């Protein structure tokens, strides 16, 4: 029996109206609910979980003149894949990028065999047109939802968080702002393209970047950036 046939059989035997199930789920409030229907042949259970939300603050990648800088958001990925993505961009577009700046958004995990897994934010301050940003993202293994942010939001930009976020490690509530990790590649790469001074100045302050790798870049003279407030799931707000 196929899954669809089994679903129909369950509904018929339990004598449930699928629209009533939907209405029940829509009316639920709270943290977690389980709905269970039972007859002599089947037990049919469904659950709905509500994740508490916390307000976060992020910065968009739009520049004052309508161009954009490249933001990359990686979620629970091998660090070596991030490096490969960045090396591919530098190889394919050698005249488009300067140094990449990498921050961690939660503690890295060292795995058996020497691999490192983590979640990362990556920024490059060279300025591009929007269609170019889309091309770059299609070459990278970023979080799929991150790619879709401009399609689903009114501001039509990519956003990176700069405020704290909460999660649990071994039952303990943790909270951390993105933390500057390193520059990639290790040698200085100067982009011939104009760079966003406003974004560089912002992240230099919020990430604590101490290097001057971009000091010789051709910075623009613009100073406005866009900040955005949004809600994101959290584990707890204590600790």
Protein backbone atom coordinates (compact mmCIF):
# COMPACT_ATOMS: atom_id res chain seq x y z
CA UNK A 1 0.00 0.00 0.00
CA UNK A 2 1.34 3.42 -0.92
CA UNK A 3 1.74 6.18 1.69
CA UNK A 4 -1.12 8.15 0.11
CA UNK A 5 -3.41 5.10 0.15
CA UNK A 6 -2.46 4.43 3.77
CA UNK A 7 -3.23 8.05 4.70
CA UNK A 8 -6.70 7.80 3.12
CA UNK A 9 -7.33 4.49 4.81
CA UNK A 10 -6.40 5.92 8.22
CA UNK A 11 -8.68 8.93 7.77
CA UNK A 12 -11.58 6.76 6.63
CA UNK A 13 -11.20 4.25 9.48
CA UNK A 14 -10.81 6.97 12.08
CA UNK A 15 -13.68 8.93 10.56
CA UNK A 16 -11.79 12.22 10.80
CA UNK A 17 -12.39 15.24 8.64
CA UNK A 18 -8.97 16.53 7.44
CA UNK A 19 -10.27 20.11 7.50
CA UNK A 20 -11.11 19.71 11.18
CA UNK A 21 -7.53 18.59 11.89
CA UNK A 22 -6.25 21.71 10.16
CA UNK A 23 -8.63 23.96 12.13
CA UNK A 24 -7.56 22.33 15.39
CA UNK A 25 -3.89 22.89 14.62
CA UNK A 26 -4.50 26.49 13.62
CA UNK A 27 -6.18 27.20 16.98
CA UNK A 28 -3.39 25.76 19.13
CA UNK A 29 -1.24 28.05 21.24
CA UNK A 30 1.59 27.34 23.65
CA UNK A 31 4.81 25.39 23.44
CA UNK A 32 3.95 21.85 22.35
CA UNK A 33 0.74 19.94 21.61
CA UNK A 34 -0.01 16.39 20.56
CA UNK A 35 -3.31 15.42 18.95
CA UNK A 36 -4.13 11.74 18.98
CA UNK A 37 -6.97 9.86 17.29
CA UNK A 38 -7.55 6.20 18.02
CA UNK A 39 -9.76 3.31 17.00
CA UNK A 40 -9.26 -0.48 17.20
CA UNK A 41 -7.16 -0.50 14.01
CA UNK A 42 -5.03 2.66 14.17
CA UNK A 43 -3.56 5.24 16.50
CA UNK A 44 -3.00 8.48 14.59
CA UNK A 45 -0.88 11.16 16.31
CA UNK A 46 0.30 14.58 15.22
CA UNK A 47 2.30 17.18 17.13
CA UNK A 48 2.82 20.90 16.78
CA UNK A 49 5.77 22.68 18.35
CA UNK A 50 5.99 26.42 18.87
CA UNK A 51 9.52 27.82 19.09
CA UNK A 52 9.87 30.86 21.35
CA UNK A 53 11.20 33.91 19.55
CA UNK A 54 13.78 36.51 20.39
CA UNK A 55 14.33 39.81 18.64
CA UNK A 56 17.62 40.08 16.77
CA UNK A 57 19.28 42.91 14.92
CA UNK A 58 21.04 42.55 11.60
CA UNK A 59 22.67 44.63 8.90
CA UNK A 60 21.71 44.44 5.23
CA UNK A 61 24.19 44.15 2.39
CA UNK A 62 22.81 47.13 0.45
CA UNK A 63 25.08 50.13 -0.02
CA UNK A 64 23.88 53.72 -0.10
CA UNK A 65 24.35 53.90 -3.90
CA UNK A 66 22.22 50.80 -4.56
CA UNK A 67 25.08 48.34 -4.99
CA UNK A 68 25.68 45.43 -2.61
CA UNK A 69 28.49 43.73 -0.72
CA UNK A 70 28.66 39.94 -0.51
CA UNK A 71 27.29 38.30 2.64
CA UNK A 72 27.52 34.53 3.15
CA UNK A 73 25.76 32.63 5.94
CA UNK A 74 26.77 29.02 6.63
CA UNK A 75 24.94 26.78 9.09
CA UNK A 76 26.62 23.70 10.62
CA UNK A 77 29.09 23.02 7.83
CA UNK A 78 32.61 21.65 7.53
CA UNK A 79 35.00 24.59 7.68
CA UNK A 80 37.00 23.26 4.73
CA UNK A 81 33.92 23.65 2.51
CA UNK A 82 33.75 27.34 3.41
CA UNK A 83 37.41 27.73 2.43
CA UNK A 84 36.79 25.92 -0.88
CA UNK A 85 33.84 28.20 -1.66
CA UNK A 86 35.93 31.31 -1.07
CA UNK A 87 38.88 29.98 -3.07
CA UNK A 88 36.53 29.21 -5.97
CA UNK A 89 35.21 32.76 -5.93
CA UNK A 90 38.72 34.20 -5.92
CA UNK A 91 39.74 31.89 -8.76
CA UNK A 92 36.66 32.52 -10.92
CA UNK A 93 36.47 36.27 -10.24
CA UNK A 94 40.03 37.40 -9.45
CA UNK A 95 39.24 41.05 -10.19
CA UNK A 96 36.07 41.20 -8.09
CA UNK A 97 37.13 40.41 -4.54
CA UNK A 98 39.48 41.48 -1.80
CA UNK A 99 39.94 39.65 1.49
CA UNK A 100 37.10 37.63 2.98
CA UNK A 101 36.31 38.14 6.67
CA UNK A 102 35.02 35.13 8.60
CA UNK A 103 33.15 35.11 11.93
CA UNK A 104 31.72 32.24 13.97
CA UNK A 105 28.08 32.42 15.06
CA UNK A 106 28.41 29.59 17.60
CA UNK A 107 31.34 27.59 19.01
CA UNK A 108 33.16 25.39 16.49
CA UNK A 109 33.14 21.62 16.96
CA UNK A 110 36.28 19.55 16.45
CA UNK A 111 35.42 16.17 14.98
CA UNK A 112 37.24 12.85 14.94
CA UNK A 113 39.75 12.91 12.11
CA UNK A 114 40.62 16.57 12.55
CA UNK A 115 37.68 18.11 10.72
CA UNK A 116 36.06 21.24 12.13
CA UNK A 117 32.33 21.92 11.87
CA UNK A 118 30.68 25.22 12.65
CA UNK A 119 28.34 28.00 11.62
CA UNK A 120 29.88 31.03 9.97
CA UNK A 121 29.24 34.50 8.61
CA UNK A 122 31.50 35.66 5.78
CA UNK A 123 31.78 39.20 4.42
CA UNK A 124 33.58 40.75 1.50
CA UNK A 125 33.55 44.53 1.22
CA UNK A 126 33.88 44.86 -2.57
CA UNK A 127 30.73 46.31 -4.14
CA UNK A 128 28.67 44.55 -6.81
CA UNK A 129 25.39 44.74 -8.67
CA UNK A 130 22.54 42.60 -7.37
CA UNK A 131 22.63 40.11 -10.26
CA UNK A 132 26.32 39.49 -9.50
CA UNK A 133 25.54 38.73 -5.85
CA UNK A 134 23.04 36.11 -6.98
CA UNK A 135 25.66 34.52 -9.25
CA UNK A 136 28.17 34.37 -6.38
CA UNK A 137 25.66 32.80 -3.99
CA UNK A 138 24.84 30.07 -6.49
CA UNK A 139 28.50 28.99 -6.30
CA UNK A 140 28.43 28.68 -2.50
CA UNK A 141 27.00 26.17 -0.04
CA UNK A 142 25.25 28.74 2.12
CA UNK A 143 22.11 28.11 4.15
CA UNK A 144 19.27 27.68 1.58
CA UNK A 145 16.96 29.98 3.54
CA UNK A 146 19.59 32.72 3.45
CA UNK A 147 19.46 32.71 -0.35
CA UNK A 148 15.70 33.28 -0.24
CA UNK A 149 15.67 36.18 2.24
CA UNK A 150 15.43 38.90 -0.46
CA UNK A 151 12.43 37.10 -1.98
CA UNK A 152 10.54 36.87 1.30
CA UNK A 153 11.21 40.25 2.91
CA UNK A 154 10.22 43.84 2.20
CA UNK A 155 13.80 45.12 2.35
CA UNK A 156 14.91 42.72 -0.47
CA UNK A 157 18.43 42.31 0.93
CA UNK A 158 20.55 39.68 2.57
CA UNK A 159 20.97 40.20 6.31
CA UNK A 160 23.61 39.10 8.81
CA UNK A 161 22.90 39.14 12.52
CA UNK A 162 25.14 41.22 14.78
CA UNK A 163 23.22 40.87 18.08
CA UNK A 164 23.10 37.91 20.48
CA UNK A 165 21.27 34.64 19.83
CA UNK A 166 20.48 31.80 22.23
CA UNK A 167 20.97 28.03 21.99
CA UNK A 168 21.84 25.08 24.27
CA UNK A 169 25.03 23.05 24.61
CA UNK A 170 24.90 20.06 26.98
CA UNK A 171 21.78 21.49 28.57
CA UNK A 172 23.39 24.87 29.28
CA UNK A 173 21.98 28.01 27.70
CA UNK A 174 24.56 29.87 25.62
CA UNK A 175 24.36 33.29 24.03
CA UNK A 176 26.85 34.90 21.72
CA UNK A 177 27.23 37.58 19.12
CA UNK A 178 29.06 36.63 15.93
CA UNK A 179 32.76 36.58 16.77
CA UNK A 180 35.50 37.51 14.29
CA UNK A 181 37.66 34.50 13.50
CA UNK A 182 40.04 35.14 10.62
CA UNK A 183 40.75 36.59 7.20
CA UNK A 184 40.83 34.39 4.11
CA UNK A 185 43.16 33.91 2.39
CA UNK A 186 46.06 34.48 4.74
CA UNK A 187 47.91 36.73 2.30
CA UNK A 188 46.66 40.21 1.51
CA UNK A 189 44.27 40.38 -1.43
CA UNK A 190 43.44 43.85 -2.67
CA UNK A 191 40.34 44.24 -4.80
CA UNK A 192 40.47 46.62 -7.76
CA UNK A 193 36.75 47.21 -7.27
CA UNK A 194 35.39 49.97 -5.07
CA UNK A 195 34.71 48.82 -1.49
CA UNK A 196 32.04 49.85 1.01
CA UNK A 197 33.63 51.91 3.75
CA UNK A 198 30.37 52.03 5.74
CA UNK A 199 30.18 48.23 5.95
CA UNK A 200 33.88 47.90 6.72
CA UNK A 201 33.66 50.48 9.51
CA UNK A 202 30.55 48.80 10.97
CA UNK A 203 32.03 45.29 11.08
CA UNK A 204 35.39 46.57 12.24
CA UNK A 205 33.58 47.92 15.30
CA UNK A 206 31.17 45.00 15.88
CA UNK A 207 33.52 42.13 15.09
CA UNK A 208 36.61 43.72 16.59
CA UNK A 209 38.62 43.41 13.38
CA UNK A 210 42.12 44.71 14.12
CA UNK A 211 43.89 44.24 10.79
CA UNK A 212 44.19 46.86 8.08
CA UNK A 213 44.09 44.46 5.15
CA UNK A 214 41.62 46.68 3.34
CA UNK A 215 43.35 49.96 4.19
CA UNK A 216 44.67 50.37 0.64
CA UNK A 217 41.36 49.54 -0.98
CA UNK A 218 39.51 52.11 -3.01
CA UNK A 219 36.83 52.86 -0.45
CA UNK A 220 33.78 54.88 -1.41
CA UNK A 221 32.85 58.04 0.47
CA UNK A 222 29.39 56.83 1.54
CA UNK A 223 28.40 56.41 5.15
CA UNK A 224 24.81 55.08 5.40
CA UNK A 225 23.93 51.45 6.12
CA UNK A 226 20.60 49.69 6.71
CA UNK A 227 19.84 47.88 9.97
CA UNK A 228 16.99 45.45 10.35
CA UNK A 229 15.11 44.04 13.37
CA UNK A 230 13.61 40.55 13.07
CA UNK A 231 12.49 37.55 15.15
CA UNK A 232 14.38 34.28 15.30
CA UNK A 233 13.90 31.04 17.32
CA UNK A 234 15.65 30.78 20.68
CA UNK A 235 16.10 28.02 23.22
CA UNK A 236 15.95 30.12 26.37
CA UNK A 237 16.47 33.69 27.49
CA UNK A 238 18.06 32.84 30.81
CA UNK A 239 21.78 32.46 31.50
